[in-house]
């Protein structure tokens, strides 16, 4: 009996001790949780204070949330887009600029209507150059400007299509060109998204109107009239002079050479033409501009079969010569169709040879500028249906887009019997036809990169 009582007493004491231990543990746990919450709150307050200090040091920021209004200025030097009272997400101006600089020109033009701040940002010269740097390395920003007049029409039409791939037929867009009342409109050369075009009432107008046009933003200005008249062999070159920070247009023909610096606003004659060399420009659509110089083919006045590669420095305004390899010089001997172009930022020369109806076109590329040994054969095309090849653009897969007079064998036999010279041209690729533009007629085209650069900002005399 005594043992049972002692056992119950021991159990009761054990339970009481357990209850006390549990109670002490729960109290300690509550204290621990309380201090943990307090520490978290203090850490959160500290983090918020640090963020506020950073924002003060960094200056104005962009506060973007979901909402109806976008980037409207507030008194706290922040810009806010509020939507349904959602929490704000903060972006610095640099982040917004980086995002916008990767967008297409058309989208950016629409975004200028969003707010005064975005309009000022997209219109800023620094932003325009930042956007253009991205566009130069973006295949989707490479475009092809085409001016065409069909045989049954008496007026040129302008079109633009992407150069992101070889197949561009579905994305061709007709452009509203400047001075549309003038029927004759031809793109001569392009640089940094700007295109030099000539406009006239008649095809062979010796004094056409010269325009500087940005087809991406549909803006243009009228340029001063050159001193000398335009002749059949006149060619133009357009480039940026990094020394003077100015754009310059070079205009050369068999008679004279003139240059227009946009900041000056007038044409100047260049009288230091290489002695004993005449320009051979028939197979060059525009003067090739690369490494701060314009380039074209010259022929010796004393030996008509001898060719040279003439250069003209845009900053020094001096003539020079780029050495050609022995293979090219031998291939050039006696060839009428010899031209210069720029593909993938590298200087190229091309030549055509025709023997008894068989025609071959060869293209060389200069990998290291000015180094004779770095010339290498890039492409050879053998097709009797192709006449007068002019390279225009090289796609990412290496395919070449070029202009040519294309006459199928059945038509060629008919023309040869009637002694009719070929007329009209098409754009083709080395592997097949360029589907968009197979209709023959007067046809010109220039590759360019989309840009926001305003012609009016480069030519202050206009204002």
Protein backbone atom coordinates (compact mmCIF):
# COMPACT_ATOMS: atom_id res chain seq x y z
CA UNK A 1 0.00 0.00 0.00
CA UNK A 2 2.78 2.38 0.96
CA UNK A 3 4.61 1.57 -2.26
CA UNK A 4 1.56 2.48 -4.37
CA UNK A 5 1.26 5.85 -2.62
CA UNK A 6 4.96 6.53 -3.12
CA UNK A 7 4.58 5.69 -6.85
CA UNK A 8 1.62 8.01 -7.38
CA UNK A 9 3.42 10.81 -5.56
CA UNK A 10 6.49 10.33 -7.76
CA UNK A 11 4.39 10.40 -10.93
CA UNK A 12 2.62 13.57 -9.81
CA UNK A 13 5.92 15.25 -9.05
CA UNK A 14 7.30 14.20 -12.45
CA UNK A 15 4.27 15.60 -14.25
CA UNK A 16 4.60 18.87 -12.37
CA UNK A 17 8.28 19.10 -13.32
CA UNK A 18 7.45 18.39 -16.96
CA UNK A 19 4.78 21.09 -16.94
CA UNK A 20 7.23 23.57 -15.49
CA UNK A 21 9.85 22.70 -18.11
CA UNK A 22 7.34 23.04 -20.96
CA UNK A 23 6.18 26.38 -19.58
CA UNK A 24 9.77 27.65 -19.28
CA UNK A 25 10.51 26.49 -22.87
CA UNK A 26 7.43 28.20 -24.27
CA UNK A 27 8.29 31.45 -22.46
CA UNK A 28 11.90 31.27 -23.76
CA UNK A 29 10.65 30.52 -27.27
CA UNK A 30 8.28 33.51 -27.17
CA UNK A 31 11.13 35.75 -26.05
CA UNK A 32 13.33 34.39 -28.85
CA UNK A 33 10.63 34.95 -31.48
CA UNK A 34 9.99 38.46 -30.14
CA UNK A 35 13.66 39.43 -30.40
CA UNK A 36 13.90 37.79 -33.86
CA UNK A 37 10.99 39.87 -35.17
CA UNK A 38 12.52 43.00 -33.65
CA UNK A 39 15.86 42.25 -35.33
CA UNK A 40 14.17 41.73 -38.68
CA UNK A 41 12.30 45.03 -38.40
CA UNK A 42 15.49 46.85 -37.51
CA UNK A 43 17.28 45.25 -40.46
CA UNK A 44 14.42 46.26 -42.79
CA UNK A 45 14.52 49.87 -41.56
CA UNK A 46 18.29 49.92 -42.00
CA UNK A 47 17.97 48.62 -45.58
CA UNK A 48 15.35 51.28 -46.43
CA UNK A 49 17.58 54.03 -45.01
CA UNK A 50 20.49 52.78 -47.13
CA UNK A 51 18.34 52.75 -50.28
CA UNK A 52 17.18 56.32 -49.63
CA UNK A 53 20.80 57.44 -49.26
CA UNK A 54 21.72 55.72 -52.55
CA UNK A 55 18.84 57.40 -54.39
CA UNK A 56 19.93 60.82 -53.11
CA UNK A 57 23.48 60.18 -54.33
CA UNK A 58 22.38 58.86 -57.73
CA UNK A 59 20.00 61.73 -58.45
CA UNK A 60 16.60 61.49 -60.20
CA UNK A 61 15.27 58.04 -61.01
CA UNK A 62 12.39 56.55 -62.91
CA UNK A 63 9.56 55.01 -60.89
CA UNK A 64 7.51 52.69 -63.04
CA UNK A 65 4.33 50.89 -62.01
CA UNK A 66 1.35 49.59 -63.88
CA UNK A 67 -0.94 52.38 -64.84
CA UNK A 68 -2.58 54.78 -67.23
CA UNK A 69 0.01 57.55 -67.08
CA UNK A 70 3.61 56.89 -68.11
CA UNK A 71 6.68 58.77 -66.88
CA UNK A 72 4.88 61.91 -65.68
CA UNK A 73 7.19 64.23 -63.67
CA UNK A 74 6.51 64.70 -59.94
CA UNK A 75 7.83 67.12 -57.32
CA UNK A 76 10.16 64.48 -55.88
CA UNK A 77 12.26 64.38 -59.12
CA UNK A 78 10.94 60.89 -59.96
CA UNK A 79 8.93 59.75 -62.95
CA UNK A 80 5.97 57.48 -62.31
CA UNK A 81 3.64 55.25 -64.26
CA UNK A 82 0.76 54.36 -61.86
CA UNK A 83 -1.54 51.41 -62.44
CA UNK A 84 -4.29 50.26 -60.11
CA UNK A 85 -2.28 51.35 -57.06
CA UNK A 86 0.27 48.57 -57.59
CA UNK A 87 3.65 48.79 -55.82
CA UNK A 88 6.23 50.87 -57.72
CA UNK A 89 9.30 49.37 -59.40
CA UNK A 90 12.24 51.78 -59.63
CA UNK A 91 14.46 52.04 -62.75
CA UNK A 92 17.37 54.43 -63.19
CA UNK A 93 17.46 56.59 -66.31
CA UNK A 94 20.44 54.61 -67.62
CA UNK A 95 18.40 51.39 -67.55
CA UNK A 96 15.52 53.02 -69.41
CA UNK A 97 17.95 54.42 -72.00
CA UNK A 98 19.55 51.00 -72.54
CA UNK A 99 16.13 49.40 -73.07
CA UNK A 100 14.89 52.07 -75.48
CA UNK A 101 18.15 52.16 -77.47
CA UNK A 102 17.48 48.57 -78.61
CA UNK A 103 14.03 49.29 -80.07
CA UNK A 104 13.22 49.93 -83.78
CA UNK A 105 13.00 53.50 -85.04
CA UNK A 106 9.26 53.31 -85.75
CA UNK A 107 8.52 52.15 -82.19
CA UNK A 108 10.64 54.95 -80.73
CA UNK A 109 8.77 57.52 -82.81
CA UNK A 110 5.52 56.27 -81.30
CA UNK A 111 7.01 56.40 -77.79
CA UNK A 112 7.88 60.09 -78.21
CA UNK A 113 4.18 60.79 -77.71
CA UNK A 114 4.15 59.06 -74.31
CA UNK A 115 5.44 62.02 -72.29
CA UNK A 116 7.62 65.11 -72.46
CA UNK A 117 10.41 63.24 -70.69
CA UNK A 118 10.45 60.36 -73.20
CA UNK A 119 10.24 62.83 -76.09
CA UNK A 120 13.27 64.72 -74.74
CA UNK A 121 15.18 61.47 -74.12
CA UNK A 122 14.57 59.98 -77.60
CA UNK A 123 15.35 63.36 -79.25
CA UNK A 124 18.65 63.77 -77.38
CA UNK A 125 21.75 63.56 -79.69
CA UNK A 126 23.57 61.27 -77.24
CA UNK A 127 20.65 58.83 -77.24
CA UNK A 128 20.48 58.90 -81.05
CA UNK A 129 24.15 57.91 -81.34
CA UNK A 130 23.73 55.22 -78.66
CA UNK A 131 20.75 53.83 -80.57
CA UNK A 132 22.72 53.85 -83.85
CA UNK A 133 25.64 51.94 -82.28
CA UNK A 134 23.22 49.14 -81.38
CA UNK A 135 21.55 49.29 -84.80
CA UNK A 136 24.86 48.83 -86.68
CA UNK A 137 25.28 45.41 -85.04
CA UNK A 138 21.62 44.42 -85.40
CA UNK A 139 20.68 42.62 -88.61
CA UNK A 140 17.02 43.61 -88.11
CA UNK A 141 18.03 47.29 -88.45
CA UNK A 142 19.63 46.76 -91.88
CA UNK A 143 17.34 48.00 -94.67
CA UNK A 144 17.41 48.25 -98.44
CA UNK A 145 16.11 51.39 -100.17
CA UNK A 146 14.92 50.79 -103.73
CA UNK A 147 13.91 53.36 -106.32
CA UNK A 148 12.25 51.93 -109.40
CA UNK A 149 10.50 53.11 -112.57
CA UNK A 150 8.71 50.51 -114.66
CA UNK A 151 8.67 50.82 -118.45
CA UNK A 152 4.97 51.67 -118.67
CA UNK A 153 5.31 54.41 -116.03
CA UNK A 154 7.00 57.79 -116.11
CA UNK A 155 7.68 58.24 -112.40
CA UNK A 156 9.96 56.63 -109.83
CA UNK A 157 8.54 54.88 -106.77
CA UNK A 158 10.48 54.25 -103.55
CA UNK A 159 10.39 51.07 -101.47
CA UNK A 160 12.06 49.80 -98.31
CA UNK A 161 12.58 46.20 -97.29
CA UNK A 162 14.52 44.46 -94.48
CA UNK A 163 17.90 42.82 -95.01
CA UNK A 164 17.67 40.43 -92.06
CA UNK A 165 17.26 37.51 -94.48
CA UNK A 166 17.45 36.77 -98.19
CA UNK A 167 13.67 36.33 -98.56
CA UNK A 168 12.19 39.82 -98.21
CA UNK A 169 9.20 39.79 -100.56
CA UNK A 170 6.50 39.86 -97.86
CA UNK A 171 7.90 42.83 -95.89
CA UNK A 172 8.36 45.35 -98.70
CA UNK A 173 6.99 48.79 -97.82
CA UNK A 174 6.26 51.64 -100.22
CA UNK A 175 7.60 54.98 -98.98
CA UNK A 176 6.21 58.49 -99.29
CA UNK A 177 9.29 60.23 -100.67
CA UNK A 178 10.15 63.95 -100.44
CA UNK A 179 9.43 66.26 -103.40
CA UNK A 180 6.99 63.71 -104.80
CA UNK A 181 5.96 66.18 -107.49
CA UNK A 182 9.32 65.56 -109.19
CA UNK A 183 9.07 62.29 -111.18
CA UNK A 184 12.77 61.34 -111.19
CA UNK A 185 14.18 60.30 -107.84
CA UNK A 186 17.39 58.31 -107.34
CA UNK A 187 19.35 57.27 -104.22
CA UNK A 188 23.07 57.90 -104.81
CA UNK A 189 24.79 56.84 -101.54
CA UNK A 190 24.09 56.30 -97.83
CA UNK A 191 25.81 56.72 -94.46
CA UNK A 192 24.55 56.33 -90.87
CA UNK A 193 20.92 55.99 -91.96
CA UNK A 194 21.08 59.12 -94.15
CA UNK A 195 20.73 58.93 -97.94
CA UNK A 196 21.88 61.41 -100.61
CA UNK A 197 19.27 61.53 -103.40
CA UNK A 198 18.88 63.57 -106.57
CA UNK A 199 15.46 64.73 -107.78
CA UNK A 200 14.54 66.24 -111.15
CA UNK A 201 11.80 66.76 -113.72
CA UNK A 202 13.71 65.02 -116.50
CA UNK A 203 15.94 61.94 -116.43
CA UNK A 204 19.20 63.53 -117.58
CA UNK A 205 18.87 66.89 -115.85
CA UNK A 206 22.43 68.35 -115.63
CA UNK A 207 21.46 70.31 -112.49
CA UNK A 208 19.15 68.13 -110.36
CA UNK A 209 18.02 68.99 -106.83
CA UNK A 210 20.15 67.34 -104.14
CA UNK A 211 18.48 66.10 -100.95
CA UNK A 212 19.71 64.60 -97.69
CA UNK A 213 16.99 62.16 -96.57
CA UNK A 214 16.45 59.89 -93.57
CA UNK A 215 13.84 57.38 -94.84
CA UNK A 216 13.39 55.90 -91.34
CA UNK A 217 12.05 59.13 -89.80
CA UNK A 218 10.76 60.60 -93.12
CA UNK A 219 12.81 63.80 -92.75
CA UNK A 220 14.81 65.57 -95.47
CA UNK A 221 16.55 68.84 -96.35
CA UNK A 222 17.57 70.44 -99.65
CA UNK A 223 21.35 70.63 -100.15
CA UNK A 224 23.20 73.43 -101.98
CA UNK A 225 23.61 72.99 -105.72
CA UNK A 226 27.09 71.84 -106.88
CA UNK A 227 29.11 74.17 -109.11
CA UNK A 228 29.64 71.74 -112.00
CA UNK A 229 26.92 70.02 -113.98
CA UNK A 230 26.07 66.36 -113.56
CA UNK A 231 27.25 64.01 -116.32
CA UNK A 232 26.56 60.32 -116.99
CA UNK A 233 29.60 59.07 -115.08
CA UNK A 234 29.03 61.21 -111.95
CA UNK A 235 29.30 59.22 -108.69
CA UNK A 236 28.75 60.23 -105.07
CA UNK A 237 30.29 59.19 -101.78
CA UNK A 238 29.02 60.00 -98.28
CA UNK A 239 30.94 59.57 -95.01
CA UNK A 240 31.62 60.85 -91.51
CA UNK A 241 34.86 62.72 -90.76
CA UNK A 242 35.80 61.71 -87.21
CA UNK A 243 38.53 64.39 -87.07
CA UNK A 244 36.26 67.38 -87.73
CA UNK A 245 33.09 65.71 -86.42
CA UNK A 246 31.29 66.50 -89.68
CA UNK A 247 29.60 64.59 -92.51
CA UNK A 248 30.98 65.12 -96.02
CA UNK A 249 29.72 64.33 -99.52
CA UNK A 250 32.19 63.73 -102.37
CA UNK A 251 31.02 64.17 -105.98
CA UNK A 252 33.34 63.09 -108.76
CA UNK A 253 33.19 62.53 -112.49
CA UNK A 254 35.57 62.50 -115.44
CA UNK A 255 35.57 66.32 -115.48
CA UNK A 256 35.83 67.51 -111.86
CA UNK A 257 35.66 66.57 -108.16
CA UNK A 258 33.77 68.54 -105.50
CA UNK A 259 33.24 68.09 -101.76
CA UNK A 260 30.48 69.37 -99.45
CA UNK A 261 31.06 69.58 -95.68
CA UNK A 262 27.61 69.91 -94.10
CA UNK A 263 28.85 72.32 -91.42
CA UNK A 264 30.27 74.61 -94.13
CA UNK A 265 27.16 74.52 -96.30
CA UNK A 266 28.85 74.92 -99.70
CA UNK A 267 30.67 72.81 -102.32
CA UNK A 268 34.43 73.16 -102.85
CA UNK A 269 36.42 71.95 -105.86
CA UNK A 270 39.29 69.48 -105.34
CA UNK A 271 42.12 70.22 -107.77
CA UNK A 272 44.74 67.68 -106.66
CA UNK A 273 43.66 64.78 -108.83
CA UNK A 274 46.42 62.16 -109.43
CA UNK A 275 48.35 62.96 -112.57
CA UNK A 276 47.95 60.50 -115.44
CA UNK A 277 44.95 58.69 -113.89
CA UNK A 278 41.35 58.96 -115.06
CA UNK A 279 38.38 57.72 -113.05
CA UNK A 280 36.68 54.50 -114.14
CA UNK A 281 33.23 54.65 -112.50
CA UNK A 282 30.93 52.70 -114.82
CA UNK A 283 30.81 49.59 -112.60
CA UNK A 284 30.64 51.49 -109.29
CA UNK A 285 27.22 52.59 -108.02
CA UNK A 286 28.66 54.81 -105.25
CA UNK A 287 32.13 55.64 -103.96
CA UNK A 288 33.12 53.02 -101.37
CA UNK A 289 33.71 54.63 -97.96
CA UNK A 290 35.78 52.69 -95.41
CA UNK A 291 38.64 53.54 -93.01
CA UNK A 292 38.02 57.28 -93.38
CA UNK A 293 38.50 57.33 -97.17
CA UNK A 294 36.51 57.07 -100.41
CA UNK A 295 37.66 54.52 -103.02
CA UNK A 296 37.16 53.91 -106.73
CA UNK A 297 38.97 52.45 -109.74
CA UNK A 298 41.37 54.57 -111.81
CA UNK A 299 42.88 53.79 -115.21
CA UNK A 300 46.18 54.99 -116.59
CA UNK A 301 46.02 57.68 -119.27
CA UNK A 302 49.08 56.12 -120.90
CA UNK A 303 48.18 52.41 -120.60
CA UNK A 304 44.38 52.02 -120.74
CA UNK A 305 44.58 48.36 -119.70
CA UNK A 306 46.28 49.19 -116.37
CA UNK A 307 44.04 49.82 -113.33
CA UNK A 308 44.68 51.14 -109.84
CA UNK A 309 42.60 51.52 -106.65
CA UNK A 310 42.35 55.24 -105.89
CA UNK A 311 41.64 56.49 -102.32
CA UNK A 312 40.65 59.95 -101.07
CA UNK A 313 41.05 60.80 -97.36
CA UNK A 314 37.93 62.49 -95.98
CA UNK A 315 39.82 64.43 -93.27
CA UNK A 316 43.09 65.31 -95.07
CA UNK A 317 41.34 65.66 -98.46
CA UNK A 318 44.30 64.04 -100.19
CA UNK A 319 44.50 61.32 -102.83
CA UNK A 320 46.28 58.02 -102.31
CA UNK A 321 46.45 54.50 -103.69
CA UNK A 322 45.60 51.09 -102.15
CA UNK A 323 47.89 48.28 -103.41
CA UNK A 324 46.22 45.47 -105.35
CA UNK A 325 47.49 41.90 -105.47
CA UNK A 326 49.21 40.58 -108.60
CA UNK A 327 46.31 38.19 -109.21
CA UNK A 328 43.82 41.07 -109.27
CA UNK A 329 46.01 43.23 -111.50
CA UNK A 330 46.38 40.41 -114.01
CA UNK A 331 42.65 39.73 -113.94
CA UNK A 332 41.87 43.44 -114.40
CA UNK A 333 43.91 43.79 -117.60
CA UNK A 334 41.58 44.75 -120.44
CA UNK A 335 38.36 44.41 -118.38
CA UNK A 336 35.67 47.07 -118.86
CA UNK A 337 33.54 46.08 -115.85
CA UNK A 338 35.71 46.80 -112.82
CA UNK A 339 34.21 48.24 -109.62
CA UNK A 340 34.64 48.84 -105.89
CA UNK A 341 32.22 48.22 -103.02
CA UNK A 342 32.07 47.74 -99.23
CA UNK A 343 30.77 44.46 -97.76
CA UNK A 344 30.73 43.75 -94.00
CA UNK A 345 32.82 46.88 -93.43
CA UNK A 346 35.62 45.64 -95.71
CA UNK A 347 36.80 46.97 -99.07
CA UNK A 348 36.01 44.80 -102.11
CA UNK A 349 36.81 44.94 -105.82
CA UNK A 350 35.02 43.05 -108.58
CA UNK A 351 35.66 42.32 -112.21
CA UNK A 352 33.78 40.74 -115.11
CA UNK A 353 35.13 38.85 -118.09
CA UNK A 354 33.18 37.69 -121.12
CA UNK A 355 34.45 35.30 -123.81
CA UNK A 356 32.15 34.06 -126.59
CA UNK A 357 28.93 34.39 -124.57
CA UNK A 358 30.49 32.90 -121.41
CA UNK A 359 30.58 35.36 -118.51
CA UNK A 360 32.37 35.09 -115.19
CA UNK A 361 32.31 37.56 -112.29
CA UNK A 362 34.91 37.53 -109.57
CA UNK A 363 34.93 39.35 -106.21
CA UNK A 364 37.93 39.95 -103.92
CA UNK A 365 37.89 41.16 -100.31
CA UNK A 366 40.61 43.12 -98.46
CA UNK A 367 40.77 41.65 -94.93
CA UNK A 368 43.54 43.94 -93.60
CA UNK A 369 43.18 47.45 -94.97
CA UNK A 370 46.20 48.60 -96.96
CA UNK A 371 47.98 45.19 -96.83
CA UNK A 372 48.51 43.83 -100.34
CA UNK A 373 48.88 40.22 -99.17
CA UNK A 374 45.46 40.24 -97.43
CA UNK A 375 43.43 40.30 -100.67
CA UNK A 376 41.48 37.04 -101.05
CA UNK A 377 38.95 35.76 -103.58
CA UNK A 378 35.48 35.83 -102.01
CA UNK A 379 33.12 34.75 -104.77
CA UNK A 380 33.01 33.60 -108.39
CA UNK A 381 29.78 33.57 -110.41
CA UNK A 382 29.56 31.95 -113.85
CA UNK A 383 26.30 32.76 -115.62
CA UNK A 384 25.95 33.88 -119.26
CA UNK A 385 22.58 35.50 -118.43
CA UNK A 386 24.10 38.07 -116.07
CA UNK A 387 25.55 41.35 -117.34
CA UNK A 388 27.24 44.14 -115.35
CA UNK A 389 27.23 42.94 -111.75
CA UNK A 390 27.20 45.51 -108.88
CA UNK A 391 27.52 44.07 -105.32
CA UNK A 392 25.11 45.63 -102.81
CA UNK A 393 25.01 43.65 -99.55
CA UNK A 394 26.29 40.48 -97.89
CA UNK A 395 23.87 38.52 -95.68
CA UNK A 396 24.76 36.85 -92.38
CA UNK A 397 24.99 33.44 -94.09
CA UNK A 398 27.46 34.79 -96.67
CA UNK A 399 24.91 35.10 -99.49
CA UNK A 400 25.54 38.09 -101.78
CA UNK A 401 22.86 40.52 -102.98
CA UNK A 402 23.75 42.32 -106.20
CA UNK A 403 22.29 44.37 -109.02
CA UNK A 404 22.69 43.14 -112.58
CA UNK A 405 21.28 43.19 -116.08
CA UNK A 406 19.64 39.75 -116.26
CA UNK A 407 18.71 38.35 -119.67
CA UNK A 408 17.59 34.68 -120.00
CA UNK A 409 19.16 32.65 -122.81
CA UNK A 410 15.98 32.62 -124.96
CA UNK A 411 15.63 36.40 -124.77
CA UNK A 412 19.38 36.87 -125.27
CA UNK A 413 19.32 35.04 -128.61
CA UNK A 414 16.43 37.23 -129.82
CA UNK A 415 18.18 40.43 -128.76
CA UNK A 416 21.45 39.40 -130.41
CA UNK A 417 19.68 38.76 -133.72
CA UNK A 418 17.94 42.15 -133.56
CA UNK A 419 21.13 43.82 -132.31
CA UNK A 420 19.28 45.35 -129.31
CA UNK A 421 21.31 46.31 -126.29
CA UNK A 422 20.08 45.02 -122.91
CA UNK A 423 18.19 47.50 -120.74
CA UNK A 424 16.69 47.35 -117.28
CA UNK A 425 17.96 45.40 -114.32
CA UNK A 426 17.05 43.25 -111.34
CA UNK A 427 18.37 42.45 -107.88
CA UNK A 428 19.53 38.88 -107.45
CA UNK A 429 21.48 36.69 -105.09
CA UNK A 430 24.32 34.41 -106.08
CA UNK A 431 22.15 31.31 -105.63
CA UNK A 432 18.99 32.57 -107.33
CA UNK A 433 16.63 35.44 -108.09
CA UNK A 434 15.75 38.13 -105.59
CA UNK A 435 12.02 37.44 -105.70
CA UNK A 436 10.73 40.90 -104.78
CA UNK A 437 12.13 42.75 -107.77
CA UNK A 438 12.20 40.67 -110.95
CA UNK A 439 10.39 43.29 -113.06
CA UNK A 440 12.82 44.91 -115.47
CA UNK A 441 13.09 48.67 -115.60
CA UNK A 442 15.15 51.52 -114.22
CA UNK A 443 16.18 50.26 -110.83
CA UNK A 444 18.51 51.57 -108.11
CA UNK A 445 19.15 50.47 -104.55
CA UNK A 446 21.23 51.34 -101.49
CA UNK A 447 21.67 49.42 -98.24
CA UNK A 448 21.42 51.51 -95.07
CA UNK A 449 21.09 51.18 -91.30
CA UNK A 450 18.02 52.59 -89.56
CA UNK A 451 18.81 55.65 -87.44
CA UNK A 452 17.22 58.58 -85.60
CA UNK A 453 19.78 61.09 -86.92
CA UNK A 454 18.02 64.20 -88.22
CA UNK A 455 19.30 65.78 -91.46
CA UNK A 456 18.22 69.20 -90.15
CA UNK A 457 20.47 68.86 -87.09
CA UNK A 458 23.51 68.29 -89.36
CA UNK A 459 22.87 71.23 -91.65
CA UNK A 460 22.28 74.33 -89.46
CA UNK A 461 22.34 76.69 -92.46
CA UNK A 462 18.94 75.31 -93.45
CA UNK A 463 17.32 76.80 -90.35
